[in-house]
Amino acid sequence: MANSVDSDLDEFRIPNTPRNAADIFRRHINAAMAETTAIADDVTALRHGEELVSRLPTLAYYARTTPTEPFDEGGE
């Protein structure tokens, strides 16, 4: 976090020119977009997890109704 604070302090030391203002804006918008992407990825993973959990009863139903062969423990 020290880098973030140093970066914020550097903005006050940089001469106020249109180019520097654009660079600062671009840096902030890139950071905001990265955070938004991370949140979107989390939401996508959550949705996939919810869908998987919702399908578990269906998968378990087929597992219960499918006949199985006797379990061979020793390979004799």
N, C-alpha and C. Protein backbone atom coordinates (compact mmCIF):
# COMPACT_ATOMS: atom_id res chain seq x y z
N MET A 1 0.81 -1.20 0.00
CA MET A 1 0.00 0.00 0.00
C MET A 1 0.86 1.27 0.00
N ALA A 2 2.10 1.14 0.40
CA ALA A 2 2.96 2.32 0.42
C ALA A 2 3.11 2.89 -0.98
N ASN A 3 3.19 2.02 -1.98
CA ASN A 3 3.31 2.50 -3.35
C ASN A 3 2.10 3.32 -3.77
N SER A 4 0.92 2.91 -3.34
CA SER A 4 -0.29 3.64 -3.67
C SER A 4 -0.26 5.04 -3.06
N VAL A 5 0.16 5.12 -1.81
CA VAL A 5 0.24 6.42 -1.14
C VAL A 5 1.28 7.29 -1.81
N ASP A 6 2.46 6.71 -2.10
CA ASP A 6 3.51 7.47 -2.77
C ASP A 6 3.02 7.96 -4.13
N SER A 7 2.30 7.10 -4.84
CA SER A 7 1.79 7.47 -6.16
C SER A 7 0.81 8.64 -6.04
N ASP A 8 -0.07 8.58 -5.04
CA ASP A 8 -1.03 9.66 -4.84
C ASP A 8 -0.31 10.96 -4.49
N LEU A 9 0.73 10.87 -3.67
CA LEU A 9 1.48 12.07 -3.31
C LEU A 9 2.22 12.63 -4.51
N ASP A 10 2.72 11.76 -5.38
CA ASP A 10 3.43 12.23 -6.57
C ASP A 10 2.54 13.08 -7.46
N GLU A 11 1.24 12.80 -7.46
CA GLU A 11 0.33 13.57 -8.30
C GLU A 11 0.33 15.04 -7.91
N PHE A 12 0.58 15.32 -6.64
CA PHE A 12 0.58 16.71 -6.19
C PHE A 12 1.91 17.39 -6.51
N ARG A 13 2.95 16.62 -6.75
CA ARG A 13 4.27 17.17 -7.07
C ARG A 13 4.46 17.37 -8.57
N ILE A 14 3.65 16.69 -9.38
CA ILE A 14 3.79 16.78 -10.84
C ILE A 14 3.23 18.13 -11.30
N PRO A 15 3.97 18.82 -12.18
CA PRO A 15 3.44 20.09 -12.71
C PRO A 15 2.09 19.87 -13.38
N ASN A 16 1.18 20.80 -13.17
CA ASN A 16 -0.18 20.67 -13.69
C ASN A 16 -0.22 21.10 -15.16
N THR A 17 -0.07 20.13 -16.03
CA THR A 17 -0.17 20.38 -17.47
C THR A 17 -1.24 19.45 -18.02
N PRO A 18 -1.79 19.77 -19.18
CA PRO A 18 -2.82 18.90 -19.75
C PRO A 18 -2.33 17.46 -19.95
N ARG A 19 -1.08 17.31 -20.38
CA ARG A 19 -0.54 15.96 -20.60
C ARG A 19 -0.45 15.20 -19.28
N ASN A 20 0.06 15.85 -18.23
CA ASN A 20 0.16 15.18 -16.93
C ASN A 20 -1.22 14.87 -16.37
N ALA A 21 -2.15 15.79 -16.55
CA ALA A 21 -3.52 15.53 -16.08
C ALA A 21 -4.11 14.32 -16.81
N ALA A 22 -3.86 14.22 -18.11
CA ALA A 22 -4.36 13.08 -18.88
C ALA A 22 -3.70 11.78 -18.41
N ASP A 23 -2.40 11.83 -18.10
CA ASP A 23 -1.71 10.64 -17.61
C ASP A 23 -2.27 10.19 -16.27
N ILE A 24 -2.53 11.14 -15.38
CA ILE A 24 -3.11 10.81 -14.06
C ILE A 24 -4.50 10.23 -14.24
N PHE A 25 -5.30 10.85 -15.11
CA PHE A 25 -6.65 10.34 -15.36
C PHE A 25 -6.59 8.93 -15.92
N ARG A 26 -5.70 8.69 -16.89
CA ARG A 26 -5.56 7.37 -17.50
C ARG A 26 -5.15 6.34 -16.45
N ARG A 27 -4.25 6.71 -15.55
CA ARG A 27 -3.82 5.79 -14.50
C ARG A 27 -4.99 5.43 -13.59
N HIS A 28 -5.78 6.43 -13.22
CA HIS A 28 -6.93 6.17 -12.34
C HIS A 28 -8.00 5.34 -13.05
N ILE A 29 -8.27 5.63 -14.31
CA ILE A 29 -9.30 4.88 -15.03
C ILE A 29 -8.85 3.44 -15.25
N ASN A 30 -7.56 3.23 -15.50
CA ASN A 30 -7.05 1.86 -15.65
C ASN A 30 -7.18 1.08 -14.35
N ALA A 31 -6.89 1.73 -13.23
CA ALA A 31 -7.03 1.05 -11.93
C ALA A 31 -8.49 0.72 -11.66
N ALA A 32 -9.39 1.65 -11.98
CA ALA A 32 -10.82 1.40 -11.76
C ALA A 32 -11.31 0.27 -12.66
N MET A 33 -10.86 0.23 -13.90
CA MET A 33 -11.28 -0.83 -14.82
C MET A 33 -10.74 -2.19 -14.36
N ALA A 34 -9.53 -2.22 -13.82
CA ALA A 34 -8.97 -3.48 -13.33
C ALA A 34 -9.79 -3.99 -12.15
N GLU A 35 -10.20 -3.09 -11.26
CA GLU A 35 -11.03 -3.50 -10.13
C GLU A 35 -12.39 -3.99 -10.61
N THR A 36 -12.95 -3.31 -11.60
CA THR A 36 -14.25 -3.73 -12.16
C THR A 36 -14.14 -5.11 -12.79
N THR A 37 -13.05 -5.35 -13.51
CA THR A 37 -12.84 -6.66 -14.13
C THR A 37 -12.72 -7.74 -13.07
N ALA A 38 -12.00 -7.46 -12.00
CA ALA A 38 -11.85 -8.45 -10.92
C ALA A 38 -13.20 -8.76 -10.29
N ILE A 39 -14.02 -7.74 -10.09
CA ILE A 39 -15.35 -7.96 -9.51
C ILE A 39 -16.21 -8.77 -10.47
N ALA A 40 -16.14 -8.44 -11.76
CA ALA A 40 -16.93 -9.19 -12.76
C ALA A 40 -16.50 -10.65 -12.80
N ASP A 41 -15.19 -10.90 -12.69
CA ASP A 41 -14.71 -12.29 -12.67
C ASP A 41 -15.25 -13.03 -11.47
N ASP A 42 -15.29 -12.36 -10.31
CA ASP A 42 -15.83 -12.99 -9.10
C ASP A 42 -17.31 -13.31 -9.27
N VAL A 43 -18.06 -12.38 -9.87
CA VAL A 43 -19.49 -12.60 -10.08
C VAL A 43 -19.71 -13.76 -11.04
N THR A 44 -18.90 -13.83 -12.10
CA THR A 44 -19.02 -14.93 -13.06
C THR A 44 -18.74 -16.27 -12.38
N ALA A 45 -17.69 -16.32 -11.56
CA ALA A 45 -17.38 -17.56 -10.84
C ALA A 45 -18.51 -17.94 -9.90
N LEU A 46 -19.09 -16.94 -9.24
CA LEU A 46 -20.21 -17.20 -8.34
C LEU A 46 -21.40 -17.77 -9.10
N ARG A 47 -21.69 -17.22 -10.26
CA ARG A 47 -22.82 -17.72 -11.06
C ARG A 47 -22.57 -19.16 -11.52
N HIS A 48 -21.35 -19.45 -11.94
CA HIS A 48 -21.03 -20.82 -12.34
C HIS A 48 -21.17 -21.77 -11.15
N GLY A 49 -20.73 -21.33 -9.98
CA GLY A 49 -20.87 -22.15 -8.78
C GLY A 49 -22.32 -22.40 -8.43
N GLU A 50 -23.14 -21.36 -8.53
CA GLU A 50 -24.57 -21.51 -8.24
C GLU A 50 -25.22 -22.48 -9.22
N GLU A 51 -24.84 -22.39 -10.49
CA GLU A 51 -25.41 -23.30 -11.49
C GLU A 51 -24.99 -24.75 -11.20
N LEU A 52 -23.73 -24.93 -10.83
CA LEU A 52 -23.26 -26.27 -10.51
C LEU A 52 -24.01 -26.84 -9.32
N VAL A 53 -24.17 -26.04 -8.27
CA VAL A 53 -24.88 -26.50 -7.08
C VAL A 53 -26.33 -26.82 -7.43
N SER A 54 -26.94 -26.02 -8.28
CA SER A 54 -28.34 -26.28 -8.65
C SER A 54 -28.48 -27.58 -9.44
N ARG A 55 -27.42 -28.01 -10.13
CA ARG A 55 -27.47 -29.24 -10.93
C ARG A 55 -27.13 -30.48 -10.10
N LEU A 56 -26.58 -30.32 -8.91
CA LEU A 56 -26.17 -31.48 -8.12
C LEU A 56 -27.29 -32.47 -7.84
N PRO A 57 -28.49 -32.03 -7.46
CA PRO A 57 -29.55 -33.02 -7.23
C PRO A 57 -29.85 -33.86 -8.47
N THR A 58 -29.80 -33.25 -9.64
CA THR A 58 -30.03 -33.99 -10.88
C THR A 58 -28.94 -35.03 -11.09
N LEU A 59 -27.70 -34.63 -10.87
CA LEU A 59 -26.59 -35.57 -11.03
C LEU A 59 -26.68 -36.70 -10.02
N ALA A 60 -27.05 -36.36 -8.79
CA ALA A 60 -27.18 -37.38 -7.75
C ALA A 60 -28.32 -38.34 -8.08
N TYR A 61 -29.40 -37.85 -8.67
CA TYR A 61 -30.53 -38.70 -9.03
C TYR A 61 -30.08 -39.79 -10.01
N TYR A 62 -29.34 -39.39 -11.05
CA TYR A 62 -28.87 -40.38 -12.02
C TYR A 62 -27.90 -41.37 -11.38
N ALA A 63 -27.09 -40.90 -10.48
CA ALA A 63 -26.14 -41.79 -9.81
C ALA A 63 -26.89 -42.82 -8.97
N ARG A 64 -27.99 -42.43 -8.33
CA ARG A 64 -28.74 -43.36 -7.48
C ARG A 64 -29.52 -44.38 -8.30
N THR A 65 -29.96 -44.01 -9.49
CA THR A 65 -30.82 -44.91 -10.26
C THR A 65 -30.04 -45.77 -11.25
N THR A 66 -28.77 -45.47 -11.45
CA THR A 66 -27.97 -46.26 -12.38
C THR A 66 -27.49 -47.53 -11.69
N PRO A 67 -27.77 -48.70 -12.27
CA PRO A 67 -27.28 -49.93 -11.64
C PRO A 67 -25.75 -49.97 -11.66
N THR A 68 -25.18 -50.50 -10.62
CA THR A 68 -23.72 -50.57 -10.53
C THR A 68 -23.28 -52.02 -10.43
N GLU A 69 -22.07 -52.25 -10.84
CA GLU A 69 -21.46 -53.57 -10.72
C GLU A 69 -20.96 -53.74 -9.29
N PRO A 70 -20.88 -54.97 -8.81
CA PRO A 70 -20.31 -55.19 -7.46
C PRO A 70 -18.89 -54.64 -7.40
N PHE A 71 -18.55 -54.06 -6.26
CA PHE A 71 -17.24 -53.43 -6.08
C PHE A 71 -16.19 -54.50 -5.87
N ASP A 72 -15.13 -54.46 -6.66
CA ASP A 72 -14.03 -55.43 -6.54
C ASP A 72 -12.90 -54.78 -5.78
N GLU A 73 -12.66 -55.21 -4.55
CA GLU A 73 -11.65 -54.57 -3.71
C GLU A 73 -10.24 -55.08 -3.96
N GLY A 74 -10.08 -56.36 -4.24
CA GLY A 74 -8.73 -56.89 -4.30
C GLY A 74 -8.25 -57.27 -5.68
N GLY A 75 -9.10 -57.29 -6.63
CA GLY A 75 -8.70 -57.68 -7.96
C GLY A 75 -8.40 -59.17 -8.07
N GLU A 76 -9.00 -59.97 -7.21
CA GLU A 76 -8.75 -61.42 -7.20
C GLU A 76 -9.51 -62.12 -8.28
